[in-house]
Amino acid sequence: MDYDCDDVGGIVEQFIRRRFDVVESDTLFSRDVDLWEYGYVDSLGVTELVVFLESHFGIQLPPSALFSSDFSRISGISAIVTGLMRPGAGDSQ
């Protein structure tokens, strides 16, 4: 399936809301909030998120992606994942 950045963002957002019990009425939660700084995802949750991303989207997240400041926000995660799904993106890794 072809996903664009918004599709990936929606899937990641729903996973985080379900898995980490983020209610729809939480006004602080957005695709641009720092998930770690605001406590939405903890260190164990990062592992769960990585497993979900790799299995759901069929990608392999390189260490550089995990340590990127973009990986702390849903919008950044969706950009990383979308980039990794492009044809040939994983060839040099």
Protein backbone atom coordinates (compact mmCIF):
# COMPACT_ATOMS: atom_id res chain seq x y z
CA MET A 1 0.00 0.00 0.00
CA ASP A 2 1.16 3.52 -0.76
CA TYR A 3 1.12 5.87 2.21
CA ASP A 4 1.69 9.60 2.24
CA CYS A 5 2.98 11.52 5.24
CA ASP A 6 -0.54 12.39 6.43
CA ASP A 7 -1.65 8.74 6.21
CA VAL A 8 1.35 7.64 8.26
CA GLY A 9 0.74 10.43 10.77
CA GLY A 10 -2.86 9.31 11.27
CA ILE A 11 -1.86 5.68 11.78
CA VAL A 12 0.90 6.61 14.24
CA GLU A 13 -1.42 9.00 16.10
CA GLN A 14 -4.09 6.32 16.48
CA PHE A 15 -1.53 3.77 17.68
CA ILE A 16 -0.22 6.19 20.32
CA ARG A 17 -3.71 7.21 21.43
CA ARG A 18 -4.79 3.56 21.82
CA ARG A 19 -1.60 2.13 23.28
CA PHE A 20 -0.81 4.98 25.67
CA ASP A 21 -4.38 5.93 26.57
CA VAL A 22 -4.39 9.45 25.13
CA VAL A 23 -7.98 10.66 25.20
CA GLU A 24 -9.49 12.65 22.34
CA SER A 25 -10.20 15.56 24.71
CA ASP A 26 -6.49 16.02 25.57
CA THR A 27 -5.88 19.54 24.25
CA LEU A 28 -2.08 19.32 24.60
CA PHE A 29 -1.75 16.27 22.37
CA SER A 30 -1.04 17.00 18.71
CA ARG A 31 1.12 15.68 15.91
CA ASP A 32 3.73 18.31 16.79
CA VAL A 33 3.96 17.81 20.56
CA ASP A 34 7.18 16.30 21.92
CA LEU A 35 5.98 12.83 22.89
CA TRP A 36 8.79 12.21 25.38
CA GLU A 37 8.95 15.68 26.95
CA TYR A 38 5.21 15.73 27.64
CA GLY A 39 5.18 12.13 28.89
CA TYR A 40 2.97 10.57 26.25
CA VAL A 41 5.54 7.88 25.48
CA ASP A 42 8.17 6.59 27.92
CA SER A 43 11.38 4.67 27.22
CA LEU A 44 9.60 1.30 27.10
CA GLY A 45 6.96 2.85 24.88
CA VAL A 46 9.62 3.88 22.38
CA THR A 47 10.48 0.22 21.91
CA GLU A 48 6.81 -0.62 21.37
CA LEU A 49 6.50 2.24 18.89
CA VAL A 50 9.57 1.09 16.92
CA VAL A 51 8.25 -2.49 16.74
CA PHE A 52 4.88 -1.19 15.57
CA LEU A 53 6.38 1.08 12.91
CA GLU A 54 8.70 -1.59 11.54
CA SER A 55 6.05 -4.31 11.42
CA HIS A 56 3.15 -2.18 10.20
CA PHE A 57 5.04 -0.29 7.49
CA GLY A 58 7.61 -2.98 6.60
CA ILE A 59 10.61 -0.76 7.23
CA GLN A 60 13.81 -0.95 9.24
CA LEU A 61 14.49 2.15 11.32
CA PRO A 62 18.20 3.00 11.30
CA PRO A 63 19.80 4.30 14.52
CA SER A 64 20.13 7.75 12.93
CA ALA A 65 16.32 7.95 12.69
CA LEU A 66 15.83 6.91 16.31
CA PHE A 67 18.22 9.59 17.56
CA SER A 68 16.85 12.30 15.28
CA SER A 69 14.99 15.16 16.96
CA ASP A 70 12.24 14.50 14.41
CA PHE A 71 11.56 11.14 16.06
CA SER A 72 10.09 12.88 19.11
CA ARG A 73 6.98 14.14 17.26
CA ILE A 74 4.32 12.32 15.24
CA SER A 75 4.85 14.72 12.34
CA GLY A 76 8.57 13.95 12.35
CA ILE A 77 8.04 10.21 12.73
CA SER A 78 5.67 10.21 9.77
CA ALA A 79 8.24 12.07 7.64
CA ILE A 80 10.95 9.57 8.61
CA VAL A 81 8.73 6.55 7.91
CA THR A 82 7.48 7.97 4.61
CA GLY A 83 11.07 8.61 3.53
CA LEU A 84 12.07 5.05 4.38
CA MET A 85 9.20 3.64 2.31
CA ARG A 86 10.39 5.34 -0.90
CA PRO A 87 11.82 2.89 -3.44
CA GLY A 88 15.54 2.48 -2.88
CA ALA A 89 15.51 4.32 0.48
CA GLY A 90 16.91 1.36 2.41
CA ASP A 91 19.46 0.25 -0.16
CA SER A 92 22.40 2.06 1.42
CA GLN A 93 21.64 1.03 5.01
